[in-house]
Amino acid sequence: MQLKNYSKSDIRAFVKDMITGKVKTLEFYRNFTLEASRDIKKTTKYDSMREEIQNEIYHLDRQMSALINMQRDMQKVLNSSTDVVKLGSLVITNKARFYISVSLGEFFYDGERFYAISAESPMARMMMGKQAGDEFTLNGIHQLIEKVF
């Protein structure tokens, strides 16, 4: 894997924008679903349809709550440079690139694949406190930390 210098503040802003975009998309779907539920006739013939829509609204609300928690958690993510892995670190291993922040999963930035993982994830816990040159094994996969931003 080619070692590049990444701007951690740009990646942080990118992740925050991704979460904001997901919130806006979810708001659109929730509003659309609410509007659809109002248009359904109030007869027993449509009870099952109304129930399905209510279930969908419930699931959308749960997803929205998780995204809002992610936005709140991103406020805690530090942007300072560091040599050891901690919350806010950008970690480049010989296998992947990890941004220890929130559990957003895979994303692409500047044509490169990254993984936004929470500090509570097994991968992050395995890397915490380590620095460039340290190695670790998780789920039978051995990795070498090449750089910590």
Protein backbone atom coordinates (compact mmCIF):
# COMPACT_ATOMS: atom_id res chain seq x y z
CA MET A 1 0.00 0.00 0.00
CA GLN A 2 1.42 3.36 -1.02
CA LEU A 3 2.05 5.74 1.86
CA LYS A 4 0.59 9.18 1.25
CA ASN A 5 0.17 12.13 3.49
CA TYR A 6 -3.51 12.58 4.20
CA SER A 7 -5.16 15.65 5.62
CA LYS A 8 -6.89 14.38 8.73
CA SER A 9 -8.96 17.56 9.01
CA ASP A 10 -10.22 17.07 5.44
CA ILE A 11 -11.12 13.45 6.16
CA ARG A 12 -12.88 14.51 9.37
CA ALA A 13 -14.89 17.11 7.44
CA PHE A 14 -15.67 14.53 4.75
CA VAL A 15 -17.01 12.04 7.31
CA LYS A 16 -19.10 14.76 8.97
CA ASP A 17 -20.52 15.74 5.57
CA MET A 18 -21.34 12.10 4.82
CA ILE A 19 -23.30 11.81 8.05
CA THR A 20 -25.11 15.09 7.35
CA GLY A 21 -26.00 13.84 3.87
CA LYS A 22 -27.39 10.62 5.31
CA VAL A 23 -29.48 12.62 7.80
CA LYS A 24 -30.93 14.76 5.00
CA THR A 25 -31.72 11.71 2.89
CA LEU A 26 -33.39 9.99 5.83
CA GLU A 27 -35.42 13.12 6.61
CA PHE A 28 -36.64 13.15 3.01
CA TYR A 29 -37.71 9.49 3.16
CA ARG A 30 -39.36 9.93 6.56
CA ASN A 31 -41.34 12.97 5.38
CA PHE A 32 -42.35 11.15 2.21
CA THR A 33 -43.49 8.13 4.24
CA LEU A 34 -45.43 10.33 6.68
CA GLU A 35 -47.16 12.05 3.79
CA ALA A 36 -48.05 8.68 2.26
CA SER A 37 -49.51 7.51 5.57
CA ARG A 38 -51.81 10.55 5.65
CA ASP A 39 -53.09 9.77 2.16
CA ILE A 40 -54.26 6.26 3.03
CA LYS A 41 -57.99 5.99 3.59
CA LYS A 42 -59.17 5.34 7.14
CA THR A 43 -60.94 2.06 6.45
CA THR A 44 -60.21 -1.44 7.71
CA LYS A 45 -59.34 -2.43 4.16
CA TYR A 46 -56.09 -0.43 4.49
CA ASP A 47 -55.15 -1.36 8.07
CA SER A 48 -52.28 -3.65 7.07
CA MET A 49 -50.84 -0.99 4.76
CA ARG A 50 -51.01 1.64 7.50
CA GLU A 51 -49.32 -0.79 9.90
CA GLU A 52 -46.48 -1.41 7.41
CA ILE A 53 -45.99 2.32 6.97
CA GLN A 54 -45.92 2.82 10.75
CA ASN A 55 -43.26 0.09 11.01
CA GLU A 56 -41.24 1.83 8.30
CA ILE A 57 -41.50 5.17 10.14
CA TYR A 58 -40.35 3.44 13.32
CA HIS A 59 -37.29 2.00 11.53
CA LEU A 60 -36.49 5.36 9.93
CA ASP A 61 -36.72 7.02 13.36
CA ARG A 62 -34.26 4.48 14.80
CA GLN A 63 -31.84 5.09 11.94
CA MET A 64 -32.19 8.84 12.41
CA SER A 65 -31.43 8.49 16.11
CA ALA A 66 -28.28 6.52 15.31
CA LEU A 67 -27.14 9.16 12.80
CA ILE A 68 -27.77 11.99 15.26
CA ASN A 69 -25.73 10.09 17.86
CA MET A 70 -22.96 9.77 15.25
CA GLN A 71 -23.04 13.52 14.66
CA ARG A 72 -22.79 14.10 18.41
CA ASP A 73 -19.95 11.59 18.73
CA MET A 74 -18.02 13.29 15.89
CA GLN A 75 -17.83 16.39 18.10
CA LYS A 76 -15.64 14.36 20.49
CA VAL A 77 -13.24 13.26 17.74
CA LEU A 78 -9.95 15.10 18.08
CA ASN A 79 -8.24 16.59 15.07
CA SER A 80 -4.78 16.97 16.57
CA SER A 81 -1.77 15.11 15.26
CA THR A 82 -0.59 12.12 17.25
CA ASP A 83 1.99 9.35 17.14
CA VAL A 84 -0.09 6.79 19.04
CA VAL A 85 -3.49 5.43 18.06
CA LYS A 86 -6.39 7.07 19.90
CA LEU A 87 -9.81 8.52 19.14
CA GLY A 88 -9.42 10.73 16.08
CA SER A 89 -6.38 8.91 14.71
CA LEU A 90 -5.96 8.09 11.07
CA VAL A 91 -4.18 4.73 10.98
CA ILE A 92 -2.55 3.31 7.87
CA THR A 93 -1.71 -0.38 8.07
CA ASN A 94 -0.25 -2.67 5.44
CA LYS A 95 -3.83 -3.90 4.79
CA ALA A 96 -6.18 -0.89 5.15
CA ARG A 97 -6.75 2.72 6.21
CA PHE A 98 -8.75 3.35 9.39
CA TYR A 99 -10.21 6.56 10.75
CA ILE A 100 -11.02 6.00 14.41
CA SER A 101 -14.10 8.13 14.91
CA VAL A 102 -17.61 6.72 14.46
CA SER A 103 -18.96 3.45 13.13
CA LEU A 104 -19.70 4.63 9.60
CA GLY A 105 -17.94 1.80 7.79
CA GLU A 106 -16.31 1.91 4.38
CA PHE A 107 -15.97 5.15 2.45
CA PHE A 108 -13.86 6.44 -0.39
CA TYR A 109 -11.84 9.63 -0.09
CA ASP A 110 -9.56 10.96 -2.81
CA GLY A 111 -9.90 7.66 -4.67
CA GLU A 112 -8.75 5.62 -1.67
CA ARG A 113 -10.73 3.20 0.50
CA PHE A 114 -11.01 4.02 4.20
CA TYR A 115 -12.93 2.56 7.10
CA ALA A 116 -14.48 4.83 9.73
CA ILE A 117 -14.61 2.72 12.89
CA SER A 118 -15.63 3.55 16.43
CA ALA A 119 -13.14 3.48 19.27
CA GLU A 120 -15.19 0.65 20.81
CA SER A 121 -14.78 -1.66 17.80
CA PRO A 122 -12.53 -4.71 18.24
CA MET A 123 -10.18 -3.39 15.53
CA ALA A 124 -9.77 0.01 17.21
CA ARG A 125 -9.34 -1.54 20.65
CA MET A 126 -6.60 -3.75 19.22
CA MET A 127 -4.78 -0.71 17.78
CA MET A 128 -5.24 1.69 20.71
CA GLY A 129 -1.95 2.92 22.16
CA LYS A 130 0.12 1.41 19.35
CA GLN A 131 2.32 3.42 17.00
CA ALA A 132 3.95 3.10 13.60
CA GLY A 133 5.99 -0.10 13.42
CA ASP A 134 3.78 -2.01 15.86
CA GLU A 135 1.96 -5.13 14.73
CA PHE A 136 -1.25 -6.84 15.77
CA THR A 137 -3.41 -9.78 14.77
CA LEU A 138 -7.21 -9.78 14.77
CA ASN A 139 -9.35 -12.65 13.51
CA GLY A 140 -6.26 -14.36 12.11
CA ILE A 141 -5.26 -11.33 10.04
CA HIS A 142 -1.84 -9.91 10.85
CA GLN A 143 -1.33 -6.18 10.25
CA LEU A 144 1.57 -3.78 10.55
CA ILE A 145 0.85 -0.16 11.46
CA GLU A 146 2.76 1.89 8.90
CA LYS A 147 1.67 5.41 9.88
CA VAL A 148 -0.46 7.17 12.49
CA PHE A 149 -1.77 10.68 11.87
